[in-house]
Amino acid sequence: MAEKLNPIPFWFLRHGETDWNAQGLSQGRTDIPLNSVGLLQARRAAKTLVGIGGIATIVASPLIRAKVTAEIAAEALGLPVALDKGLQEVCFGEQEGQPMGDWYDDWIAGHYTPAGAEPFAGLLARAVAAINRATARPGPVLVVAHGALFRALRLAFGHEPNVRTPNALPIRCEPPADGSSAWAVTPAELAPE
């Protein structure tokens, strides 16, 4: 069982679109760059975050799609980007570069792990530890990472995990005030284009 998340609110931002996202392929650790749509999405997310205001720290996955998304936000916010390998996307093993399939539910449940892939339980423990390191920094913190990693966080938040996270949409993640129910997961309203 993964450790619990620090009860500290933070912002989460999945990277902008890549060509593999557009083609419905599993990326995992394959280091695919943002495409032109992804760059535009990252700029719009940055504009949204400026409008929200108050971000004090940015921590990102070192994979190029997340790192560049974070750098675009950081430039708009006037902040540096700290990298944390623990925020990298899950390794999907033999499924990387393959069409996204219907095996996610079995993977999340621990019934199936693709050959060479990271088990979901490992991703969950790694994601929680990385978020706890991030939220130990001055806040509010913006975490820039990946879709499968956010699936693991959704489970840690007390939500259904197998939900696709939109590219480059800032999401406010807040612990319950009473400590007993699920976290609030609230997408920001994107700034006009």
C-alpha atoms as a PDB file:
ATOM      1  CA  MET A   1       0.000   0.000   0.000  1.00  0.00           C
ATOM      2  CA  ALA A   2       1.333   3.410  -0.949  1.00  0.00           C
ATOM      3  CA  GLU A   3       1.945   5.988   1.704  1.00  0.00           C
ATOM      4  CA  LYS A   4      -0.657   8.711   2.075  1.00  0.00           C
ATOM      5  CA  LEU A   5      -0.456  12.035   0.294  1.00  0.00           C
ATOM      6  CA  ASN A   6       0.496  15.063   2.354  1.00  0.00           C
ATOM      7  CA  PRO A   7      -2.807  16.899   3.003  1.00  0.00           C
ATOM      8  CA  ILE A   8      -1.549  19.925   1.075  1.00  0.00           C
ATOM      9  CA  PRO A   9      -3.359  21.331  -1.981  1.00  0.00           C
ATOM     10  CA  PHE A  10      -1.443  21.617  -5.256  1.00  0.00           C
ATOM     11  CA  TRP A  11      -1.946  22.183  -8.972  1.00  0.00           C
ATOM     12  CA  PHE A  12      -1.396  19.378 -11.496  1.00  0.00           C
ATOM     13  CA  LEU A  13      -0.748  19.940 -15.194  1.00  0.00           C
ATOM     14  CA  ARG A  14      -0.449  17.119 -17.698  1.00  0.00           C
ATOM     15  CA  HIS A  15       1.911  17.959 -20.557  1.00  0.00           C
ATOM     16  CA  GLY A  16       0.665  19.299 -23.890  1.00  0.00           C
ATOM     17  CA  GLU A  17      -0.179  17.049 -26.814  1.00  0.00           C
ATOM     18  CA  THR A  18       2.417  14.944 -28.645  1.00  0.00           C
ATOM     19  CA  ASP A  19       2.070  13.172 -31.985  1.00  0.00           C
ATOM     20  CA  TRP A  20       1.672   9.885 -30.103  1.00  0.00           C
ATOM     21  CA  ASN A  21      -1.178  11.398 -28.035  1.00  0.00           C
ATOM     22  CA  ALA A  22      -2.869  12.481 -31.267  1.00  0.00           C
ATOM     23  CA  GLN A  23      -2.452   8.949 -32.674  1.00  0.00           C
ATOM     24  CA  GLY A  24      -3.731   7.255 -29.488  1.00  0.00           C
ATOM     25  CA  LEU A  25      -0.421   5.493 -28.762  1.00  0.00           C
ATOM     26  CA  SER A  26       0.911   4.607 -25.310  1.00  0.00           C
ATOM     27  CA  GLN A  27       4.016   6.733 -24.681  1.00  0.00           C
ATOM     28  CA  GLY A  28       5.261   5.678 -21.287  1.00  0.00           C
ATOM     29  CA  ARG A  29       8.966   6.490 -20.917  1.00  0.00           C
ATOM     30  CA  THR A  30       9.478   6.995 -24.669  1.00  0.00           C
ATOM     31  CA  ASP A  31      10.647  10.604 -24.788  1.00  0.00           C
ATOM     32  CA  ILE A  32       8.281  12.102 -27.373  1.00  0.00           C
ATOM     33  CA  PRO A  33       8.321  15.931 -27.816  1.00  0.00           C
ATOM     34  CA  LEU A  34       5.309  18.219 -27.899  1.00  0.00           C
ATOM     35  CA  ASN A  35       3.790  18.781 -31.314  1.00  0.00           C
ATOM     36  CA  SER A  36       2.590  22.199 -32.546  1.00  0.00           C
ATOM     37  CA  VAL A  37      -0.822  21.703 -30.895  1.00  0.00           C
ATOM     38  CA  GLY A  38       0.918  20.744 -27.635  1.00  0.00           C
ATOM     39  CA  LEU A  39       3.027  23.908 -27.701  1.00  0.00           C
ATOM     40  CA  LEU A  40      -0.113  26.026 -28.165  1.00  0.00           C
ATOM     41  CA  GLN A  41      -1.838  24.108 -25.350  1.00  0.00           C
ATOM     42  CA  ALA A  42       1.136  24.691 -23.042  1.00  0.00           C
ATOM     43  CA  ARG A  43       1.065  28.438 -23.778  1.00  0.00           C
ATOM     44  CA  ARG A  44      -2.674  28.583 -23.045  1.00  0.00           C
ATOM     45  CA  ALA A  45      -2.146  26.654 -19.787  1.00  0.00           C
ATOM     46  CA  ALA A  46       0.627  29.102 -18.848  1.00  0.00           C
ATOM     47  CA  LYS A  47      -1.712  32.040 -19.501  1.00  0.00           C
ATOM     48  CA  THR A  48      -4.352  30.320 -17.348  1.00  0.00           C
ATOM     49  CA  LEU A  49      -1.862  29.799 -14.511  1.00  0.00           C
ATOM     50  CA  VAL A  50      -0.817  33.461 -14.641  1.00  0.00           C
ATOM     51  CA  GLY A  51      -4.507  34.362 -14.283  1.00  0.00           C
ATOM     52  CA  ILE A  52      -4.880  32.022 -11.304  1.00  0.00           C
ATOM     53  CA  GLY A  53      -1.806  33.541  -9.688  1.00  0.00           C
ATOM     54  CA  GLY A  54       0.089  32.566  -6.578  1.00  0.00           C
ATOM     55  CA  ILE A  55       2.098  29.593  -7.873  1.00  0.00           C
ATOM     56  CA  ALA A  56       5.356  29.579  -5.884  1.00  0.00           C
ATOM     57  CA  THR A  57       7.117  26.399  -7.074  1.00  0.00           C
ATOM     58  CA  ILE A  58       7.126  24.281 -10.241  1.00  0.00           C
ATOM     59  CA  VAL A  59       8.227  20.643 -10.143  1.00  0.00           C
ATOM     60  CA  ALA A  60       8.197  18.570 -13.334  1.00  0.00           C
ATOM     61  CA  SER A  61       8.975  15.221 -14.851  1.00  0.00           C
ATOM     62  CA  PRO A  62      12.272  15.299 -16.762  1.00  0.00           C
ATOM     63  CA  LEU A  63      10.680  13.751 -19.884  1.00  0.00           C
ATOM     64  CA  ILE A  64      10.802  16.361 -22.649  1.00  0.00           C
ATOM     65  CA  ARG A  65       7.027  16.707 -23.146  1.00  0.00           C
ATOM     66  CA  ALA A  66       6.505  17.578 -19.455  1.00  0.00           C
ATOM     67  CA  LYS A  67       9.744  19.541 -19.083  1.00  0.00           C
ATOM     68  CA  VAL A  68       8.938  21.851 -22.027  1.00  0.00           C
ATOM     69  CA  THR A  69       5.341  22.314 -20.820  1.00  0.00           C
ATOM     70  CA  ALA A  70       6.739  23.261 -17.395  1.00  0.00           C
ATOM     71  CA  GLU A  71       9.313  25.614 -18.925  1.00  0.00           C
ATOM     72  CA  ILE A  72       6.597  27.459 -20.870  1.00  0.00           C
ATOM     73  CA  ALA A  73       4.586  27.881 -17.651  1.00  0.00           C
ATOM     74  CA  ALA A  74       7.728  28.843 -15.724  1.00  0.00           C
ATOM     75  CA  GLU A  75       8.625  31.573 -18.212  1.00  0.00           C
ATOM     76  CA  ALA A  76       5.129  33.076 -17.904  1.00  0.00           C
ATOM     77  CA  LEU A  77       5.224  32.842 -14.091  1.00  0.00           C
ATOM     78  CA  GLY A  78       8.835  33.985 -13.693  1.00  0.00           C
ATOM     79  CA  LEU A  79       9.837  30.822 -11.819  1.00  0.00           C
ATOM     80  CA  PRO A  80      12.489  28.109 -12.192  1.00  0.00           C
ATOM     81  CA  VAL A  81      11.604  24.466 -12.835  1.00  0.00           C
ATOM     82  CA  ALA A  82      12.776  21.724 -10.480  1.00  0.00           C
ATOM     83  CA  LEU A  83      12.889  18.231 -12.009  1.00  0.00           C
ATOM     84  CA  ASP A  84      11.969  15.038 -10.148  1.00  0.00           C
ATOM     85  CA  LYS A  85      12.539  11.636 -11.799  1.00  0.00           C
ATOM     86  CA  GLY A  86       9.775  10.265  -9.598  1.00  0.00           C
ATOM     87  CA  LEU A  87       7.285  12.229 -11.731  1.00  0.00           C
ATOM     88  CA  GLN A  88       8.277  10.404 -14.942  1.00  0.00           C
ATOM     89  CA  GLU A  89       5.546   8.567 -16.780  1.00  0.00           C
ATOM     90  CA  VAL A  90       5.102   4.881 -16.065  1.00  0.00           C
ATOM     91  CA  CYS A  91       7.184   2.480 -18.133  1.00  0.00           C
ATOM     92  CA  PHE A  92       4.663   0.601 -20.296  1.00  0.00           C
ATOM     93  CA  GLY A  93       7.223  -1.958 -21.494  1.00  0.00           C
ATOM     94  CA  GLU A  94       6.107  -3.798 -24.622  1.00  0.00           C
ATOM     95  CA  GLN A  95       2.987  -1.585 -24.858  1.00  0.00           C
ATOM     96  CA  GLU A  96       4.982   1.600 -25.576  1.00  0.00           C
ATOM     97  CA  GLY A  97       4.290   2.829 -29.085  1.00  0.00           C
ATOM     98  CA  GLN A  98       1.238   0.550 -29.312  1.00  0.00           C
ATOM     99  CA  PRO A  99      -2.379   1.716 -29.550  1.00  0.00           C
ATOM    100  CA  MET A 100      -3.893   2.400 -26.137  1.00  0.00           C
ATOM    101  CA  GLY A 101      -5.828  -0.722 -25.279  1.00  0.00           C
ATOM    102  CA  ASP A 102      -8.494  -1.968 -22.924  1.00  0.00           C
ATOM    103  CA  TRP A 103      -5.918  -3.526 -20.585  1.00  0.00           C
ATOM    104  CA  TYR A 104      -5.667  -0.500 -18.229  1.00  0.00           C
ATOM    105  CA  ASP A 105      -8.368  -1.770 -15.842  1.00  0.00           C
ATOM    106  CA  ASP A 106      -6.549  -5.092 -15.417  1.00  0.00           C
ATOM    107  CA  TRP A 107      -3.214  -3.256 -14.991  1.00  0.00           C
ATOM    108  CA  ILE A 108      -4.679  -0.927 -12.340  1.00  0.00           C
ATOM    109  CA  ALA A 109      -6.231  -3.929 -10.527  1.00  0.00           C
ATOM    110  CA  GLY A 110      -2.860  -5.721 -10.547  1.00  0.00           C
ATOM    111  CA  HIS A 111      -4.096  -8.603 -12.738  1.00  0.00           C
ATOM    112  CA  TYR A 112      -1.900  -7.768 -15.742  1.00  0.00           C
ATOM    113  CA  THR A 113       1.360  -5.929 -16.283  1.00  0.00           C
ATOM    114  CA  PRO A 114       2.794  -5.690 -19.820  1.00  0.00           C
ATOM    115  CA  ALA A 115       6.186  -7.387 -20.241  1.00  0.00           C
ATOM    116  CA  GLY A 116       8.920  -5.006 -19.125  1.00  0.00           C
ATOM    117  CA  ALA A 117       6.413  -2.541 -17.617  1.00  0.00           C
ATOM    118  CA  GLU A 118       6.129  -1.012 -14.161  1.00  0.00           C
ATOM    119  CA  PRO A 119       3.294  -2.507 -12.088  1.00  0.00           C
ATOM    120  CA  PHE A 120       0.520  -0.055 -11.195  1.00  0.00           C
ATOM    121  CA  ALA A 121       1.252  -0.510  -7.470  1.00  0.00           C
ATOM    122  CA  GLY A 122       4.841   0.622  -8.119  1.00  0.00           C
ATOM    123  CA  LEU A 123       3.619   3.668 -10.043  1.00  0.00           C
ATOM    124  CA  LEU A 124       1.200   4.511  -7.224  1.00  0.00           C
ATOM    125  CA  ALA A 125       3.896   4.401  -4.538  1.00  0.00           C
ATOM    126  CA  ARG A 126       6.317   6.400  -6.718  1.00  0.00           C
ATOM    127  CA  ALA A 127       3.691   9.022  -7.628  1.00  0.00           C
ATOM    128  CA  VAL A 128       2.626   9.576  -4.005  1.00  0.00           C
ATOM    129  CA  ALA A 129       6.250   9.887  -2.873  1.00  0.00           C
ATOM    130  CA  ALA A 130       7.008  12.392  -5.675  1.00  0.00           C
ATOM    131  CA  ILE A 131       3.945  14.512  -4.877  1.00  0.00           C
ATOM    132  CA  ASN A 132       4.872  14.498  -1.189  1.00  0.00           C
ATOM    133  CA  ARG A 133       8.371  15.728  -2.082  1.00  0.00           C
ATOM    134  CA  ALA A 134       6.850  18.438  -4.301  1.00  0.00           C
ATOM    135  CA  THR A 135       4.318  19.654  -1.728  1.00  0.00           C
ATOM    136  CA  ALA A 136       7.051  19.850   0.915  1.00  0.00           C
ATOM    137  CA  ARG A 137       8.393  22.806  -1.113  1.00  0.00           C
ATOM    138  CA  PRO A 138       7.033  26.361  -0.816  1.00  0.00           C
ATOM    139  CA  GLY A 139       3.461  26.421  -2.097  1.00  0.00           C
ATOM    140  CA  PRO A 140       1.267  26.616  -3.920  1.00  0.00           C
ATOM    141  CA  VAL A 141       3.112  24.043  -6.033  1.00  0.00           C
ATOM    142  CA  LEU A 142       2.496  23.253  -9.707  1.00  0.00           C
ATOM    143  CA  VAL A 143       3.348  19.665 -10.679  1.00  0.00           C
ATOM    144  CA  VAL A 144       3.808  19.045 -14.415  1.00  0.00           C
ATOM    145  CA  ALA A 145       3.716  15.368 -15.329  1.00  0.00           C
ATOM    146  CA  HIS A 146       1.777  12.644 -17.148  1.00  0.00           C
ATOM    147  CA  GLY A 147      -1.583  10.964 -17.673  1.00  0.00           C
ATOM    148  CA  ALA A 148      -0.952   7.485 -16.235  1.00  0.00           C
ATOM    149  CA  LEU A 149       0.796   9.068 -13.261  1.00  0.00           C
ATOM    150  CA  PHE A 150      -2.355  11.133 -12.660  1.00  0.00           C
ATOM    151  CA  ARG A 151      -4.421   7.927 -12.838  1.00  0.00           C
ATOM    152  CA  ALA A 152      -2.391   6.688  -9.871  1.00  0.00           C
ATOM    153  CA  LEU A 153      -2.927  10.001  -8.081  1.00  0.00           C
ATOM    154  CA  ARG A 154      -6.678   9.778  -8.733  1.00  0.00           C
ATOM    155  CA  LEU A 155      -6.686   6.473  -6.840  1.00  0.00           C
ATOM    156  CA  ALA A 156      -4.707   8.070  -3.985  1.00  0.00           C
ATOM    157  CA  PHE A 157      -7.285  10.912  -4.000  1.00  0.00           C
ATOM    158  CA  GLY A 158     -10.132   8.389  -3.545  1.00  0.00           C
ATOM    159  CA  HIS A 159     -11.434   8.669  -7.132  1.00  0.00           C
ATOM    160  CA  GLU A 160     -11.937   6.196  -9.970  1.00  0.00           C
ATOM    161  CA  PRO A 161      -8.402   5.953 -11.402  1.00  0.00           C
ATOM    162  CA  ASN A 162      -8.987   4.934 -15.012  1.00  0.00           C
ATOM    163  CA  VAL A 163     -10.027   8.365 -16.311  1.00  0.00           C
ATOM    164  CA  ARG A 164      -8.124  10.097 -19.095  1.00  0.00           C
ATOM    165  CA  THR A 165      -6.625  13.444 -18.076  1.00  0.00           C
ATOM    166  CA  PRO A 166      -6.830  16.197 -20.730  1.00  0.00           C
ATOM    167  CA  ASN A 167      -3.574  17.594 -22.055  1.00  0.00           C
ATOM    168  CA  ALA A 168      -2.449  20.947 -20.617  1.00  0.00           C
ATOM    169  CA  LEU A 169      -5.449  21.601 -18.367  1.00  0.00           C
ATOM    170  CA  PRO A 170      -4.453  22.877 -14.897  1.00  0.00           C
ATOM    171  CA  ILE A 171      -6.228  20.846 -12.203  1.00  0.00           C
ATOM    172  CA  ARG A 172      -6.540  21.977  -8.571  1.00  0.00           C
ATOM    173  CA  CYS A 173      -6.095  19.031  -6.183  1.00  0.00           C
ATOM    174  CA  GLU A 174      -7.327  19.717  -2.639  1.00  0.00           C
ATOM    175  CA  PRO A 175      -7.495  17.394   0.359  1.00  0.00           C
ATOM    176  CA  PRO A 176     -10.836  17.053   2.139  1.00  0.00           C
ATOM    177  CA  ALA A 177     -11.291  19.460   5.033  1.00  0.00           C
ATOM    178  CA  ASP A 178     -12.524  16.672   7.306  1.00  0.00           C
ATOM    179  CA  GLY A 179      -9.775  14.225   6.313  1.00  0.00           C
ATOM    180  CA  SER A 180     -12.248  11.436   5.599  1.00  0.00           C
ATOM    181  CA  SER A 181     -13.638  11.828   2.084  1.00  0.00           C
ATOM    182  CA  ALA A 182     -12.061  12.079  -1.341  1.00  0.00           C
ATOM    183  CA  TRP A 183      -9.885  14.952  -2.508  1.00  0.00           C
ATOM    184  CA  ALA A 184     -11.486  17.638  -4.666  1.00  0.00           C
ATOM    185  CA  VAL A 185     -10.135  17.540  -8.223  1.00  0.00           C
ATOM    186  CA  THR A 186     -11.183  20.729 -10.005  1.00  0.00           C
ATOM    187  CA  PRO A 187     -10.122  21.685 -13.542  1.00  0.00           C
ATOM    188  CA  ALA A 188      -9.343  25.359 -14.086  1.00  0.00           C
ATOM    189  CA  GLU A 189     -11.256  27.374 -16.643  1.00  0.00           C
ATOM    190  CA  LEU A 190      -8.777  27.854 -19.472  1.00  0.00           C
ATOM    191  CA  ALA A 191      -7.834  31.370 -20.488  1.00  0.00           C
ATOM    192  CA  PRO A 192      -9.185  32.526 -23.852  1.00  0.00           C
ATOM    193  CA  GLU A 193      -6.981  31.676 -26.804  1.00  0.00           C
END
